[in-house]
PDB file of N, CA and C in Angstrom:
ATOM      1  N   UNK A   1       6.640 -22.189   0.729  1.00  0.00           N
ATOM      2  CA  UNK A   1       7.532 -21.074   0.955  1.00  0.00           C
ATOM      3  C   UNK A   1       7.386 -20.542   2.386  1.00  0.00           C
ATOM      4  N   UNK A   2       6.116 -20.400   2.833  1.00  0.00           N
ATOM      5  CA  UNK A   2       5.893 -19.883   4.172  1.00  0.00           C
ATOM      6  C   UNK A   2       6.502 -20.802   5.221  1.00  0.00           C
ATOM      7  N   UNK A   3       6.377 -22.120   5.058  1.00  0.00           N
ATOM      8  CA  UNK A   3       6.953 -23.058   6.032  1.00  0.00           C
ATOM      9  C   UNK A   3       8.476 -22.965   6.040  1.00  0.00           C
ATOM     10  N   UNK A   4       9.080 -22.695   4.894  1.00  0.00           N
ATOM     11  CA  UNK A   4      10.523 -22.539   4.839  1.00  0.00           C
ATOM     12  C   UNK A   4      10.957 -21.277   5.587  1.00  0.00           C
ATOM     13  N   UNK A   5      10.195 -20.205   5.459  1.00  0.00           N
ATOM     14  CA  UNK A   5      10.507 -18.967   6.185  1.00  0.00           C
ATOM     15  C   UNK A   5      10.357 -19.166   7.684  1.00  0.00           C
ATOM     16  N   UNK A   6       9.318 -19.878   8.108  1.00  0.00           N
ATOM     17  CA  UNK A   6       9.146 -20.158   9.531  1.00  0.00           C
ATOM     18  C   UNK A   6      10.294 -21.012  10.063  1.00  0.00           C
ATOM     19  N   UNK A   7      10.709 -21.997   9.288  1.00  0.00           N
ATOM     20  CA  UNK A   7      11.827 -22.842   9.688  1.00  0.00           C
ATOM     21  C   UNK A   7      13.115 -22.025   9.782  1.00  0.00           C
ATOM     22  N   UNK A   8      13.339 -21.143   8.843  1.00  0.00           N
ATOM     23  CA  UNK A   8      14.516 -20.277   8.866  1.00  0.00           C
ATOM     24  C   UNK A   8      14.478 -19.358  10.081  1.00  0.00           C
ATOM     25  N   UNK A   9      13.324 -18.762  10.373  1.00  0.00           N
ATOM     26  CA  UNK A   9      13.192 -17.879  11.536  1.00  0.00           C
ATOM     27  C   UNK A   9      13.443 -18.642  12.832  1.00  0.00           C
ATOM     28  N   UNK A  10      12.934 -19.863  12.917  1.00  0.00           N
ATOM     29  CA  UNK A  10      13.162 -20.683  14.120  1.00  0.00           C
ATOM     30  C   UNK A  10      14.643 -21.001  14.267  1.00  0.00           C
ATOM     31  N   UNK A  11      15.325 -21.286  13.172  1.00  0.00           N
ATOM     32  CA  UNK A  11      16.761 -21.574  13.227  1.00  0.00           C
ATOM     33  C   UNK A  11      17.559 -20.368  13.676  1.00  0.00           C
ATOM     34  N   UNK A  12      17.210 -19.196  13.176  1.00  0.00           N
ATOM     35  CA  UNK A  12      17.900 -17.967  13.572  1.00  0.00           C
ATOM     36  C   UNK A  12      17.672 -17.705  15.054  1.00  0.00           C
ATOM     37  N   UNK A  13      16.449 -17.892  15.529  1.00  0.00           N
ATOM     38  CA  UNK A  13      16.155 -17.683  16.950  1.00  0.00           C
ATOM     39  C   UNK A  13      16.937 -18.660  17.810  1.00  0.00           C
ATOM     40  N   UNK A  14      17.061 -19.912  17.376  1.00  0.00           N
ATOM     41  CA  UNK A  14      17.804 -20.915  18.133  1.00  0.00           C
ATOM     42  C   UNK A  14      19.277 -20.534  18.222  1.00  0.00           C
ATOM     43  N   UNK A  15      19.871 -20.128  17.127  1.00  0.00           N
ATOM     44  CA  UNK A  15      21.283 -19.737  17.122  1.00  0.00           C
ATOM     45  C   UNK A  15      21.487 -18.519  18.015  1.00  0.00           C
ATOM     46  N   UNK A  16      20.602 -17.545  17.955  1.00  0.00           N
ATOM     47  CA  UNK A  16      20.722 -16.358  18.787  1.00  0.00           C
ATOM     48  C   UNK A  16      20.631 -16.712  20.261  1.00  0.00           C
ATOM     49  N   UNK A  17      19.775 -17.652  20.606  1.00  0.00           N
ATOM     50  CA  UNK A  17      19.630 -18.064  22.008  1.00  0.00           C
ATOM     51  C   UNK A  17      20.863 -18.788  22.508  1.00  0.00           C
ATOM     52  N   UNK A  18      21.567 -19.469  21.647  1.00  0.00           N
ATOM     53  CA  UNK A  18      22.749 -20.234  22.040  1.00  0.00           C
ATOM     54  C   UNK A  18      24.024 -19.409  22.049  1.00  0.00           C
ATOM     55  N   UNK A  19      23.998 -18.269  21.399  1.00  0.00           N
ATOM     56  CA  UNK A  19      25.196 -17.433  21.303  1.00  0.00           C
ATOM     57  C   UNK A  19      25.589 -16.922  22.683  1.00  0.00           C
ATOM     58  N   UNK A  20      26.889 -16.945  22.986  1.00  0.00           N
ATOM     59  CA  UNK A  20      27.347 -16.464  24.284  1.00  0.00           C
ATOM     60  C   UNK A  20      27.300 -14.949  24.327  1.00  0.00           C
ATOM     61  N   UNK A  21      27.119 -14.428  25.508  1.00  0.00           N
ATOM     62  CA  UNK A  21      26.984 -13.001  25.726  1.00  0.00           C
ATOM     63  C   UNK A  21      28.269 -12.435  26.308  1.00  0.00           C
ATOM     64  N   UNK A  22      28.498 -11.142  26.117  1.00  0.00           N
ATOM     65  CA  UNK A  22      29.661 -10.495  26.721  1.00  0.00           C
ATOM     66  C   UNK A  22      29.317  -9.892  28.069  1.00  0.00           C
ATOM     67  N   UNK A  23      28.072 -10.008  28.499  1.00  0.00           N
ATOM     68  CA  UNK A  23      27.681  -9.498  29.802  1.00  0.00           C
ATOM     69  C   UNK A  23      27.527 -10.645  30.782  1.00  0.00           C
ATOM     70  N   UNK A  24      27.450 -10.328  32.090  1.00  0.00           N
ATOM     71  CA  UNK A  24      27.332 -11.388  33.076  1.00  0.00           C
ATOM     72  C   UNK A  24      26.110 -12.250  32.817  1.00  0.00           C
ATOM     73  N   UNK A  25      26.271 -13.533  33.044  1.00  0.00           N
ATOM     74  CA  UNK A  25      25.162 -14.455  32.873  1.00  0.00           C
ATOM     75  C   UNK A  25      25.196 -15.466  33.996  1.00  0.00           C
ATOM     76  N   UNK A  26      24.163 -16.230  34.129  1.00  0.00           N
ATOM     77  CA  UNK A  26      24.092 -17.177  35.235  1.00  0.00           C
ATOM     78  C   UNK A  26      23.948 -18.606  34.786  1.00  0.00           C
ATOM     79  N   UNK A  27      24.364 -19.514  35.664  1.00  0.00           N
ATOM     80  CA  UNK A  27      24.099 -20.930  35.495  1.00  0.00           C
ATOM     81  C   UNK A  27      24.825 -21.605  34.363  1.00  0.00           C
ATOM     82  N   UNK A  28      26.033 -21.217  34.090  1.00  0.00           N
ATOM     83  CA  UNK A  28      26.748 -21.756  32.948  1.00  0.00           C
ATOM     84  C   UNK A  28      27.225 -23.183  33.066  1.00  0.00           C
ATOM     85  N   UNK A  29      27.280 -23.756  34.258  1.00  0.00           N
ATOM     86  CA  UNK A  29      27.768 -25.112  34.486  1.00  0.00           C
ATOM     87  C   UNK A  29      29.164 -25.304  33.907  1.00  0.00           C
ATOM     88  N   UNK A  30      29.988 -24.299  34.033  1.00  0.00           N
ATOM     89  CA  UNK A  30      31.348 -24.346  33.521  1.00  0.00           C
ATOM     90  C   UNK A  30      32.321 -24.303  34.687  1.00  0.00           C
ATOM     91  N   UNK A  31      33.403 -25.034  34.576  1.00  0.00           N
ATOM     92  CA  UNK A  31      34.417 -24.968  35.624  1.00  0.00           C
ATOM     93  C   UNK A  31      35.430 -23.865  35.342  1.00  0.00           C
ATOM     94  N   UNK A  32      35.157 -23.048  34.335  1.00  0.00           N
ATOM     95  CA  UNK A  32      35.984 -21.873  34.052  1.00  0.00           C
ATOM     96  C   UNK A  32      35.131 -20.627  34.239  1.00  0.00           C
ATOM     97  N   UNK A  33      35.587 -19.744  35.109  1.00  0.00           N
ATOM     98  CA  UNK A  33      34.900 -18.486  35.364  1.00  0.00           C
ATOM     99  C   UNK A  33      35.738 -17.373  34.749  1.00  0.00           C
ATOM    100  N   UNK A  34      35.123 -16.549  33.924  1.00  0.00           N
ATOM    101  CA  UNK A  34      35.818 -15.440  33.293  1.00  0.00           C
ATOM    102  C   UNK A  34      35.815 -14.235  34.231  1.00  0.00           C
ATOM    103  N   UNK A  35      36.994 -13.650  34.421  1.00  0.00           N
ATOM    104  CA  UNK A  35      37.144 -12.434  35.219  1.00  0.00           C
ATOM    105  C   UNK A  35      37.290 -11.298  34.217  1.00  0.00           C
ATOM    106  N   UNK A  36      36.235 -10.490  34.110  1.00  0.00           N
ATOM    107  CA  UNK A  36      36.232  -9.436  33.105  1.00  0.00           C
ATOM    108  C   UNK A  36      36.180  -8.083  33.784  1.00  0.00           C
ATOM    109  N   UNK A  37      36.094  -7.030  32.995  1.00  0.00           N
ATOM    110  CA  UNK A  37      36.092  -5.685  33.573  1.00  0.00           C
ATOM    111  C   UNK A  37      34.823  -5.458  34.380  1.00  0.00           C
ATOM    112  N   UNK A  38      34.970  -5.633  35.682  1.00  0.00           N
ATOM    113  CA  UNK A  38      33.955  -5.373  36.691  1.00  0.00           C
ATOM    114  C   UNK A  38      32.839  -6.403  36.788  1.00  0.00           C
ATOM    115  N   UNK A  39      33.043  -7.629  36.272  1.00  0.00           N
ATOM    116  CA  UNK A  39      32.102  -8.707  36.521  1.00  0.00           C
ATOM    117  C   UNK A  39      32.764 -10.068  36.328  1.00  0.00           C
ATOM    118  N   UNK A  40      32.169 -11.072  36.978  1.00  0.00           N
ATOM    119  CA  UNK A  40      32.543 -12.469  36.799  1.00  0.00           C
ATOM    120  C   UNK A  40      31.466 -13.110  35.932  1.00  0.00           C
ATOM    121  N   UNK A  41      31.853 -14.062  35.071  1.00  0.00           N
ATOM    122  CA  UNK A  41      30.876 -14.717  34.217  1.00  0.00           C
ATOM    123  C   UNK A  41      31.269 -16.169  33.982  1.00  0.00           C
ATOM    124  N   UNK A  42      30.373 -17.129  34.157  1.00  0.00           N
ATOM    125  CA  UNK A  42      28.997 -16.946  34.597  1.00  0.00           C
ATOM    126  C   UNK A  42      28.914 -16.851  36.113  1.00  0.00           C
ATOM    127  N   UNK A  43      27.899 -16.185  36.578  1.00  0.00           N
ATOM    128  CA  UNK A  43      27.555 -16.164  37.997  1.00  0.00           C
ATOM    129  C   UNK A  43      26.068 -15.875  38.123  1.00  0.00           C
ATOM    130  N   UNK A  44      25.331 -16.644  38.890  1.00  0.00           N
ATOM    131  CA  UNK A  44      25.820 -17.804  39.636  1.00  0.00           C
ATOM    132  C   UNK A  44      26.147 -18.945  38.690  1.00  0.00           C
ATOM    133  N   UNK A  45      26.892 -19.902  39.199  1.00  0.00           N
ATOM    134  CA  UNK A  45      27.255 -21.066  38.418  1.00  0.00           C
ATOM    135  C   UNK A  45      27.121 -22.305  39.291  1.00  0.00           C
ATOM    136  N   UNK A  46      26.749 -23.424  38.691  1.00  0.00           N
ATOM    137  CA  UNK A  46      26.669 -24.703  39.382  1.00  0.00           C
ATOM    138  C   UNK A  46      27.683 -25.636  38.742  1.00  0.00           C
ATOM    139  N   UNK A  47      28.575 -26.205  39.550  1.00  0.00           N
ATOM    140  CA  UNK A  47      29.663 -27.035  39.032  1.00  0.00           C
ATOM    141  C   UNK A  47      29.802 -28.293  39.878  1.00  0.00           C
ATOM    142  N   UNK A  48      30.483 -29.315  39.353  1.00  0.00           N
ATOM    143  CA  UNK A  48      30.768 -30.499  40.169  1.00  0.00           C
ATOM    144  C   UNK A  48      31.913 -30.217  41.141  1.00  0.00           C
ATOM    145  N   UNK A  49      32.011 -31.061  42.168  1.00  0.00           N
ATOM    146  CA  UNK A  49      33.124 -30.970  43.123  1.00  0.00           C
ATOM    147  C   UNK A  49      34.438 -31.067  42.359  1.00  0.00           C
ATOM    148  N   UNK A  50      35.409 -30.259  42.753  1.00  0.00           N
ATOM    149  CA  UNK A  50      36.725 -30.298  42.109  1.00  0.00           C
ATOM    150  C   UNK A  50      37.251 -28.905  41.853  1.00  0.00           C
ATOM    151  N   UNK A  51      38.023 -28.790  40.798  1.00  0.00           N
ATOM    152  CA  UNK A  51      38.722 -27.542  40.511  1.00  0.00           C
ATOM    153  C   UNK A  51      37.897 -26.615  39.625  1.00  0.00           C
ATOM    154  N   UNK A  52      37.890 -25.359  39.997  1.00  0.00           N
ATOM    155  CA  UNK A  52      37.334 -24.276  39.193  1.00  0.00           C
ATOM    156  C   UNK A  52      38.499 -23.368  38.842  1.00  0.00           C
ATOM    157  N   UNK A  53      38.541 -22.894  37.606  1.00  0.00           N
ATOM    158  CA  UNK A  53      39.627 -22.017  37.180  1.00  0.00           C
ATOM    159  C   UNK A  53      39.070 -20.659  36.801  1.00  0.00           C
ATOM    160  N   UNK A  54      39.589 -19.627  37.431  1.00  0.00           N
ATOM    161  CA  UNK A  54      39.249 -18.252  37.084  1.00  0.00           C
ATOM    162  C   UNK A  54      40.250 -17.803  36.027  1.00  0.00           C
ATOM    163  N   UNK A  55      39.751 -17.245  34.926  1.00  0.00           N
ATOM    164  CA  UNK A  55      40.596 -16.815  33.817  1.00  0.00           C
ATOM    165  C   UNK A  55      40.354 -15.343  33.544  1.00  0.00           C
ATOM    166  N   UNK A  56      41.415 -14.558  33.601  1.00  0.00           N
ATOM    167  CA  UNK A  56      41.313 -13.124  33.371  1.00  0.00           C
ATOM    168  C   UNK A  56      41.187 -12.855  31.882  1.00  0.00           C
ATOM    169  N   UNK A  57      40.172 -12.076  31.514  1.00  0.00           N
ATOM    170  CA  UNK A  57      40.000 -11.656  30.128  1.00  0.00           C
ATOM    171  C   UNK A  57      41.062 -10.599  29.828  1.00  0.00           C
ATOM    172  N   UNK A  58      41.495 -10.528  28.592  1.00  0.00           N
ATOM    173  CA  UNK A  58      42.528  -9.572  28.223  1.00  0.00           C
ATOM    174  C   UNK A  58      41.952  -8.619  27.197  1.00  0.00           C
ATOM    175  N   UNK A  59      42.082  -7.322  27.295  1.00  0.00           N
ATOM    176  CA  UNK A  59      42.738  -6.643  28.403  1.00  0.00           C
ATOM    177  C   UNK A  59      41.796  -6.579  29.605  1.00  0.00           C
ATOM    178  N   UNK A  60      42.359  -6.477  30.763  1.00  0.00           N
ATOM    179  CA  UNK A  60      41.566  -6.468  31.981  1.00  0.00           C
ATOM    180  C   UNK A  60      42.130  -5.454  32.960  1.00  0.00           C
ATOM    181  N   UNK A  61      41.236  -4.828  33.704  1.00  0.00           N
ATOM    182  CA  UNK A  61      41.675  -4.036  34.851  1.00  0.00           C
ATOM    183  C   UNK A  61      42.228  -5.033  35.861  1.00  0.00           C
ATOM    184  N   UNK A  62      42.946  -4.586  36.841  1.00  0.00           N
ATOM    185  CA  UNK A  62      43.390  -5.494  37.890  1.00  0.00           C
ATOM    186  C   UNK A  62      42.211  -5.949  38.738  1.00  0.00           C
ATOM    187  N   UNK A  63      42.102  -7.272  38.924  1.00  0.00           N
ATOM    188  CA  UNK A  63      41.029  -7.859  39.724  1.00  0.00           C
ATOM    189  C   UNK A  63      41.626  -8.957  40.597  1.00  0.00           C
ATOM    190  N   UNK A  64      40.863  -9.329  41.631  1.00  0.00           N
ATOM    191  CA  UNK A  64      41.246 -10.487  42.440  1.00  0.00           C
ATOM    192  C   UNK A  64      40.007 -11.292  42.769  1.00  0.00           C
ATOM    193  N   UNK A  65      40.231 -12.504  43.263  1.00  0.00           N
ATOM    194  CA  UNK A  65      39.156 -13.365  43.740  1.00  0.00           C
ATOM    195  C   UNK A  65      39.382 -13.534  45.237  1.00  0.00           C
ATOM    196  N   UNK A  66      38.460 -12.998  46.021  1.00  0.00           N
ATOM    197  CA  UNK A  66      38.537 -13.077  47.473  1.00  0.00           C
ATOM    198  C   UNK A  66      37.263 -13.757  47.965  1.00  0.00           C
ATOM    199  N   UNK A  67      37.423 -14.878  48.662  1.00  0.00           N
ATOM    200  CA  UNK A  67      36.291 -15.680  49.119  1.00  0.00           C
ATOM    201  C   UNK A  67      35.616 -15.017  50.304  1.00  0.00           C
ATOM    202  N   UNK A  68      34.295 -14.984  50.282  1.00  0.00           N
ATOM    203  CA  UNK A  68      33.508 -14.419  51.367  1.00  0.00           C
ATOM    204  C   UNK A  68      32.901 -15.510  52.243  1.00  0.00           C
ATOM    205  N   UNK A  69      32.230 -16.485  51.618  1.00  0.00           N
ATOM    206  CA  UNK A  69      31.585 -17.569  52.361  1.00  0.00           C
ATOM    207  C   UNK A  69      31.783 -18.884  51.622  1.00  0.00           C
ATOM    208  N   UNK A  70      31.641 -19.962  52.360  1.00  0.00           N
ATOM    209  CA  UNK A  70      31.720 -21.296  51.770  1.00  0.00           C
ATOM    210  C   UNK A  70      32.005 -22.316  52.837  1.00  0.00           C
ATOM    211  N   UNK A  71      31.793 -23.592  52.523  1.00  0.00           N
ATOM    212  CA  UNK A  71      32.059 -24.656  53.489  1.00  0.00           C
ATOM    213  C   UNK A  71      33.544 -24.829  53.778  1.00  0.00           C
ATOM    214  N   UNK A  72      34.399 -24.381  52.855  1.00  0.00           N
ATOM    215  CA  UNK A  72      35.844 -24.361  53.068  1.00  0.00           C
ATOM    216  C   UNK A  72      36.329 -22.968  52.690  1.00  0.00           C
ATOM    217  N   UNK A  73      37.558 -22.666  52.998  1.00  0.00           N
ATOM    218  CA  UNK A  73      38.111 -21.363  52.645  1.00  0.00           C
ATOM    219  C   UNK A  73      39.324 -21.557  51.744  1.00  0.00           C
ATOM    220  N   UNK A  74      39.085 -21.578  50.427  1.00  0.00           N
ATOM    221  CA  UNK A  74      40.232 -21.678  49.509  1.00  0.00           C
ATOM    222  C   UNK A  74      41.088 -20.424  49.628  1.00  0.00           C
ATOM    223  N   UNK A  75      42.299 -20.488  49.158  1.00  0.00           N
ATOM    224  CA  UNK A  75      43.154 -19.308  49.148  1.00  0.00           C
ATOM    225  C   UNK A  75      42.604 -18.254  48.205  1.00  0.00           C
ATOM    226  N   UNK A  76      42.901 -17.012  48.491  1.00  0.00           N
ATOM    227  CA  UNK A  76      42.510 -15.903  47.625  1.00  0.00           C
ATOM    228  C   UNK A  76      43.561 -15.701  46.540  1.00  0.00           C
ATOM    229  N   UNK A  77      43.143 -15.122  45.434  1.00  0.00           N
ATOM    230  CA  UNK A  77      44.103 -14.835  44.371  1.00  0.00           C
ATOM    231  C   UNK A  77      44.811 -13.522  44.660  1.00  0.00           C
ATOM    232  N   UNK A  78      45.906 -13.323  43.983  1.00  0.00           N
ATOM    233  CA  UNK A  78      46.558 -12.017  43.978  1.00  0.00           C
ATOM    234  C   UNK A  78      45.772 -11.125  43.028  1.00  0.00           C
ATOM    235  N   UNK A  79      46.009  -9.824  43.080  1.00  0.00           N
ATOM    236  CA  UNK A  79      45.433  -8.933  42.080  1.00  0.00           C
ATOM    237  C   UNK A  79      46.209  -9.148  40.792  1.00  0.00           C
ATOM    238  N   UNK A  80      45.461  -9.451  39.718  1.00  0.00           N
ATOM    239  CA  UNK A  80      46.078  -9.809  38.444  1.00  0.00           C
ATOM    240  C   UNK A  80      45.389  -9.057  37.311  1.00  0.00           C
ATOM    241  N   UNK A  81      46.101  -8.894  36.191  1.00  0.00           N
ATOM    242  CA  UNK A  81      45.512  -8.327  34.980  1.00  0.00           C
ATOM    243  C   UNK A  81      45.342  -9.376  33.898  1.00  0.00           C
ATOM    244  N   UNK A  82      46.036 -10.499  34.028  1.00  0.00           N
ATOM    245  CA  UNK A  82      45.900 -11.601  33.074  1.00  0.00           C
ATOM    246  C   UNK A  82      46.334 -12.875  33.782  1.00  0.00           C
ATOM    247  N   UNK A  83      46.012 -13.998  33.163  1.00  0.00           N
ATOM    248  CA  UNK A  83      46.418 -15.276  33.720  1.00  0.00           C
ATOM    249  C   UNK A  83      45.246 -16.073  34.243  1.00  0.00           C
ATOM    250  N   UNK A  84      45.573 -17.104  35.042  1.00  0.00           N
ATOM    251  CA  UNK A  84      44.551 -17.981  35.595  1.00  0.00           C
ATOM    252  C   UNK A  84      44.792 -18.202  37.080  1.00  0.00           C
ATOM    253  N   UNK A  85      43.727 -18.582  37.779  1.00  0.00           N
ATOM    254  CA  UNK A  85      43.781 -18.867  39.207  1.00  0.00           C
ATOM    255  C   UNK A  85      42.893 -20.081  39.474  1.00  0.00           C
ATOM    256  N   UNK A  86      43.490 -21.227  39.878  1.00  0.00           N
ATOM    257  CA  UNK A  86      42.681 -22.410  40.176  1.00  0.00           C
ATOM    258  C   UNK A  86      42.268 -22.437  41.647  1.00  0.00           C
ATOM    259  N   UNK A  87      41.076 -22.970  41.903  1.00  0.00           N
ATOM    260  CA  UNK A  87      40.596 -23.172  43.265  1.00  0.00           C
ATOM    261  C   UNK A  87      39.894 -24.521  43.321  1.00  0.00           C
ATOM    262  N   UNK A  88      40.227 -25.327  44.331  1.00  0.00           N
ATOM    263  CA  UNK A  88      39.582 -26.624  44.506  1.00  0.00           C
ATOM    264  C   UNK A  88      38.463 -26.458  45.522  1.00  0.00           C
ATOM    265  N   UNK A  89      37.241 -26.835  45.116  1.00  0.00           N
ATOM    266  CA  UNK A  89      36.056 -26.598  45.927  1.00  0.00           C
ATOM    267  C   UNK A  89      35.346 -27.896  46.280  1.00  0.00           C
ATOM    268  N   UNK A  90      34.881 -27.973  47.516  1.00  0.00           N
ATOM    269  CA  UNK A  90      34.058 -29.088  47.976  1.00  0.00           C
ATOM    270  C   UNK A  90      32.592 -28.708  47.820  1.00  0.00           C
ATOM    271  N   UNK A  91      31.691 -29.654  48.072  1.00  0.00           N
ATOM    272  CA  UNK A  91      30.259 -29.405  47.925  1.00  0.00           C
ATOM    273  C   UNK A  91      29.811 -28.269  48.843  1.00  0.00           C
ATOM    274  N   UNK A  92      28.949 -27.418  48.316  1.00  0.00           N
ATOM    275  CA  UNK A  92      28.404 -26.301  49.082  1.00  0.00           C
ATOM    276  C   UNK A  92      28.298 -25.055  48.218  1.00  0.00           C
ATOM    277  N   UNK A  93      27.886 -23.965  48.826  1.00  0.00           N
ATOM    278  CA  UNK A  93      27.743 -22.697  48.121  1.00  0.00           C
ATOM    279  C   UNK A  93      28.849 -21.743  48.568  1.00  0.00           C
ATOM    280  N   UNK A  94      29.526 -21.173  47.594  1.00  0.00           N
ATOM    281  CA  UNK A  94      30.632 -20.239  47.828  1.00  0.00           C
ATOM    282  C   UNK A  94      30.248 -18.879  47.256  1.00  0.00           C
ATOM    283  N   UNK A  95      30.587 -17.825  47.977  1.00  0.00           N
ATOM    284  CA  UNK A  95      30.471 -16.476  47.430  1.00  0.00           C
ATOM    285  C   UNK A  95      31.860 -15.847  47.440  1.00  0.00           C
ATOM    286  N   UNK A  96      32.096 -14.989  46.473  1.00  0.00           N
ATOM    287  CA  UNK A  96      33.404 -14.351  46.333  1.00  0.00           C
ATOM    288  C   UNK A  96      33.210 -12.975  45.739  1.00  0.00           C
ATOM    289  N   UNK A  97      34.246 -12.159  45.791  1.00  0.00           N
ATOM    290  CA  UNK A  97      34.187 -10.823  45.212  1.00  0.00           C
ATOM    291  C   UNK A  97      35.586 -10.344  44.865  1.00  0.00           C
ATOM    292  N   UNK A  98      35.635  -9.231  44.171  1.00  0.00           N
ATOM    293  CA  UNK A  98      36.881  -8.524  43.902  1.00  0.00           C
ATOM    294  C   UNK A  98      36.937  -7.380  44.904  1.00  0.00           C
ATOM    295  N   UNK A  99      37.997  -7.313  45.687  1.00  0.00           N
ATOM    296  CA  UNK A  99      38.085  -6.274  46.724  1.00  0.00           C
ATOM    297  C   UNK A  99      38.333  -4.883  46.144  1.00  0.00           C
ATOM    298  N   UNK A 100      38.688  -4.813  44.875  1.00  0.00           N
ATOM    299  CA  UNK A 100      38.999  -3.534  44.242  1.00  0.00           C
ATOM    300  C   UNK A 100      37.746  -2.858  43.690  1.00  0.00           C
ATOM    301  N   UNK A 101      36.785  -3.648  43.234  1.00  0.00           N
ATOM    302  CA  UNK A 101      35.618  -3.106  42.539  1.00  0.00           C
ATOM    303  C   UNK A 101      34.327  -3.451  43.285  1.00  0.00           C
ATOM    304  N   UNK A 102      33.716  -2.468  43.916  1.00  0.00           N
ATOM    305  CA  UNK A 102      32.452  -2.668  44.632  1.00  0.00           C
ATOM    306  C   UNK A 102      31.401  -3.221  43.663  1.00  0.00           C
ATOM    307  N   UNK A 103      30.676  -4.212  44.114  1.00  0.00           N
ATOM    308  CA  UNK A 103      29.625  -4.806  43.285  1.00  0.00           C
ATOM    309  C   UNK A 103      30.101  -5.914  42.377  1.00  0.00           C
ATOM    310  N   UNK A 104      31.397  -6.188  42.332  1.00  0.00           N
ATOM    311  CA  UNK A 104      31.919  -7.274  41.514  1.00  0.00           C
ATOM    312  C   UNK A 104      31.913  -8.535  42.378  1.00  0.00           C
ATOM    313  N   UNK A 105      30.787  -9.283  42.308  1.00  0.00           N
ATOM    314  CA  UNK A 105      30.562 -10.439  43.167  1.00  0.00           C
ATOM    315  C   UNK A 105      30.233 -11.667  42.337  1.00  0.00           C
ATOM    316  N   UNK A 106      30.405 -12.838  42.949  1.00  0.00           N
ATOM    317  CA  UNK A 106      30.049 -14.073  42.283  1.00  0.00           C
ATOM    318  C   UNK A 106      29.615 -15.132  43.257  1.00  0.00           C
ATOM    319  N   UNK A 107      28.911 -16.140  42.733  1.00  0.00           N
ATOM    320  CA  UNK A 107      28.448 -17.273  43.510  1.00  0.00           C
ATOM    321  C   UNK A 107      28.685 -18.546  42.725  1.00  0.00           C
ATOM    322  N   UNK A 108      29.177 -19.563  43.417  1.00  0.00           N
ATOM    323  CA  UNK A 108      29.357 -20.891  42.828  1.00  0.00           C
ATOM    324  C   UNK A 108      28.668 -21.897  43.742  1.00  0.00           C
ATOM    325  N   UNK A 109      27.776 -22.715  43.171  1.00  0.00           N
ATOM    326  CA  UNK A 109      27.155 -23.814  43.882  1.00  0.00           C
ATOM    327  C   UNK A 109      27.864 -25.082  43.419  1.00  0.00           C
ATOM    328  N   UNK A 110      28.473 -25.781  44.356  1.00  0.00           N
ATOM    329  CA  UNK A 110      29.244 -26.996  44.035  1.00  0.00           C
ATOM    330  C   UNK A 110      28.429 -28.198  44.486  1.00  0.00           C
ATOM    331  N   UNK A 111      28.187 -29.123  43.566  1.00  0.00           N
ATOM    332  CA  UNK A 111      27.385 -30.315  43.870  1.00  0.00           C
ATOM    333  C   UNK A 111      28.191 -31.575  43.709  1.00  0.00           C
TER     334      UNK A 111
END
């Protein structure tokens, strides 16, 4: 009985660790970045060379993606409340932010 309880507790802990969070997190290895109310998620993130898509969570305050640094300068997004914004990235580290909300920053490492 005790071993069954330990196994059950380990399973619950594993599921809890795998559950996605509604707060900012890092290192998601996803080519989709969620634009939420005052944060990007995941950030930082490591992705392969190619397209990254920013997806606005609904409902959302108006946000934009404005590039600060990187080996290339992709176009910036418009201020949006919903929808998606694709950006094609080459290898290197990119930083970006929302010009409307101080502290709303993100980093993508492209390998």
